[in-house]
Amino acid sequence: MTAPVDDLAETVAPLARVRAMAPSLPPSDRRAAEVIAEWGDDMLARSITEVAQAANVAESTVIRACKRLGFTGFQRSEEHTSELQSHHD
């Protein structure tokens, strides 16, 4: 049986997924997710350190939040937000 996060990760556009799942995350992960959602396609120009500082969390929290959002890590979240932008151009 596939985990609910996996189902959502495969069927929902990346930024929509981040926005939809953020409220269910623990507070520190939620702050990281909110920064990712707010920055959207600007994520490609940002480092994990910048995201962590903006969310007032550790870099490890950003990675954990990305994984909870269905990405394999921070770099994959950047790639997926970039893919979303390219589909809207």
C-alpha atoms as a PDB file:
ATOM      1  CA  MET A   1       0.000   0.000   0.000  1.00  0.00           C
ATOM      2  CA  THR A   2       1.329   3.433  -0.929  1.00  0.00           C
ATOM      3  CA  ALA A   3       1.710   6.027   1.820  1.00  0.00           C
ATOM      4  CA  PRO A   4      -0.653   9.036   1.556  1.00  0.00           C
ATOM      5  CA  VAL A   5       2.296  11.402   1.114  1.00  0.00           C
ATOM      6  CA  ASP A   6       3.481   9.350  -1.883  1.00  0.00           C
ATOM      7  CA  ASP A   7       0.017   9.502  -3.481  1.00  0.00           C
ATOM      8  CA  LEU A   8      -0.171  13.254  -2.987  1.00  0.00           C
ATOM      9  CA  ALA A   9       3.396  13.755  -4.200  1.00  0.00           C
ATOM     10  CA  GLU A  10       2.611  12.022  -7.481  1.00  0.00           C
ATOM     11  CA  THR A  11      -0.680  13.753  -8.255  1.00  0.00           C
ATOM     12  CA  VAL A  12      -0.399  17.374  -7.119  1.00  0.00           C
ATOM     13  CA  ALA A  13       1.775  20.139  -8.589  1.00  0.00           C
ATOM     14  CA  PRO A  14       4.778  20.803  -6.315  1.00  0.00           C
ATOM     15  CA  LEU A  15       3.845  24.250  -4.981  1.00  0.00           C
ATOM     16  CA  ALA A  16       0.214  23.260  -4.524  1.00  0.00           C
ATOM     17  CA  ARG A  17       1.408  20.209  -2.606  1.00  0.00           C
ATOM     18  CA  VAL A  18       3.612  22.358  -0.358  1.00  0.00           C
ATOM     19  CA  ARG A  19       0.726  24.735   0.351  1.00  0.00           C
ATOM     20  CA  ALA A  20      -1.731  21.897   0.971  1.00  0.00           C
ATOM     21  CA  MET A  21       0.523  19.940   3.294  1.00  0.00           C
ATOM     22  CA  ALA A  22       2.137  22.815   5.234  1.00  0.00           C
ATOM     23  CA  PRO A  23      -0.643  23.161   7.850  1.00  0.00           C
ATOM     24  CA  SER A  24      -0.256  19.504   8.854  1.00  0.00           C
ATOM     25  CA  LEU A  25       3.500  19.750   9.478  1.00  0.00           C
ATOM     26  CA  PRO A  26       5.144  20.339  12.860  1.00  0.00           C
ATOM     27  CA  PRO A  27       5.718  24.081  13.493  1.00  0.00           C
ATOM     28  CA  SER A  28       9.380  24.281  12.441  1.00  0.00           C
ATOM     29  CA  ASP A  29       8.794  22.207   9.296  1.00  0.00           C
ATOM     30  CA  ARG A  30       5.719  24.329   8.554  1.00  0.00           C
ATOM     31  CA  ARG A  31       7.797  27.524   8.653  1.00  0.00           C
ATOM     32  CA  ALA A  32      10.258  26.026   6.158  1.00  0.00           C
ATOM     33  CA  ALA A  33       7.390  24.910   3.900  1.00  0.00           C
ATOM     34  CA  GLU A  34       5.816  28.366   4.047  1.00  0.00           C
ATOM     35  CA  VAL A  35       9.083  29.972   2.926  1.00  0.00           C
ATOM     36  CA  ILE A  36       9.382  27.460   0.075  1.00  0.00           C
ATOM     37  CA  ALA A  37       5.790  28.157  -0.998  1.00  0.00           C
ATOM     38  CA  GLU A  38       6.276  31.917  -0.745  1.00  0.00           C
ATOM     39  CA  TRP A  39       9.456  31.910  -2.802  1.00  0.00           C
ATOM     40  CA  GLY A  40       8.136  29.488  -5.416  1.00  0.00           C
ATOM     41  CA  ASP A  41      10.194  29.633  -8.584  1.00  0.00           C
ATOM     42  CA  ASP A  42      12.762  31.859  -6.839  1.00  0.00           C
ATOM     43  CA  MET A  43      13.876  28.740  -4.965  1.00  0.00           C
ATOM     44  CA  LEU A  44      16.385  27.974  -7.713  1.00  0.00           C
ATOM     45  CA  ALA A  45      18.305  31.113  -6.816  1.00  0.00           C
ATOM     46  CA  ARG A  46      18.276  30.344  -3.084  1.00  0.00           C
ATOM     47  CA  SER A  47      20.469  28.162  -0.925  1.00  0.00           C
ATOM     48  CA  ILE A  48      19.352  25.879   1.845  1.00  0.00           C
ATOM     49  CA  THR A  49      21.002  28.316   4.262  1.00  0.00           C
ATOM     50  CA  GLU A  50      18.835  31.178   2.987  1.00  0.00           C
ATOM     51  CA  VAL A  51      15.665  29.116   3.375  1.00  0.00           C
ATOM     52  CA  ALA A  52      16.674  28.061   6.886  1.00  0.00           C
ATOM     53  CA  GLN A  53      17.459  31.632   7.906  1.00  0.00           C
ATOM     54  CA  ALA A  54      14.217  32.993   6.458  1.00  0.00           C
ATOM     55  CA  ALA A  55      12.225  30.314   8.299  1.00  0.00           C
ATOM     56  CA  ASN A  56      14.322  30.692  11.460  1.00  0.00           C
ATOM     57  CA  VAL A  57      15.101  26.960  11.482  1.00  0.00           C
ATOM     58  CA  ALA A  58      18.151  24.733  11.047  1.00  0.00           C
ATOM     59  CA  GLU A  59      19.205  23.507   7.606  1.00  0.00           C
ATOM     60  CA  SER A  60      18.400  19.965   8.724  1.00  0.00           C
ATOM     61  CA  THR A  61      14.820  21.116   9.362  1.00  0.00           C
ATOM     62  CA  VAL A  62      14.542  22.356   5.770  1.00  0.00           C
ATOM     63  CA  ILE A  63      15.702  18.971   4.506  1.00  0.00           C
ATOM     64  CA  ARG A  64      13.280  17.145   6.821  1.00  0.00           C
ATOM     65  CA  ALA A  65      10.402  19.395   5.727  1.00  0.00           C
ATOM     66  CA  CYS A  66      11.191  18.734   2.061  1.00  0.00           C
ATOM     67  CA  LYS A  67      11.160  14.999   2.705  1.00  0.00           C
ATOM     68  CA  ARG A  68       7.849  15.231   4.567  1.00  0.00           C
ATOM     69  CA  LEU A  69       6.476  17.128   1.579  1.00  0.00           C
ATOM     70  CA  GLY A  70       7.313  14.167  -0.664  1.00  0.00           C
ATOM     71  CA  PHE A  71      10.626  15.335  -2.140  1.00  0.00           C
ATOM     72  CA  THR A  72      13.838  13.372  -1.739  1.00  0.00           C
ATOM     73  CA  GLY A  73      15.511  16.441  -0.259  1.00  0.00           C
ATOM     74  CA  PHE A  74      16.137  20.145  -0.742  1.00  0.00           C
ATOM     75  CA  GLN A  75      17.648  19.907  -4.226  1.00  0.00           C
ATOM     76  CA  ARG A  76      14.688  17.892  -5.534  1.00  0.00           C
ATOM     77  CA  SER A  77      12.261  20.471  -4.152  1.00  0.00           C
ATOM     78  CA  GLU A  78      14.137  23.145  -6.120  1.00  0.00           C
ATOM     79  CA  GLU A  79      13.958  21.038  -9.282  1.00  0.00           C
ATOM     80  CA  HIS A  80      10.228  20.416  -8.889  1.00  0.00           C
ATOM     81  CA  THR A  81       9.394  24.069  -8.288  1.00  0.00           C
ATOM     82  CA  SER A  82      11.403  24.847 -11.427  1.00  0.00           C
ATOM     83  CA  GLU A  83       9.408  22.228 -13.376  1.00  0.00           C
ATOM     84  CA  LEU A  84       6.178  23.846 -12.165  1.00  0.00           C
ATOM     85  CA  GLN A  85       7.334  27.245 -13.410  1.00  0.00           C
ATOM     86  CA  SER A  86       8.315  25.860 -16.824  1.00  0.00           C
ATOM     87  CA  HIS A  87       4.816  24.370 -17.252  1.00  0.00           C
ATOM     88  CA  HIS A  88       3.242  27.775 -16.630  1.00  0.00           C
ATOM     89  CA  ASP A  89       5.406  29.742 -19.099  1.00  0.00           C
END
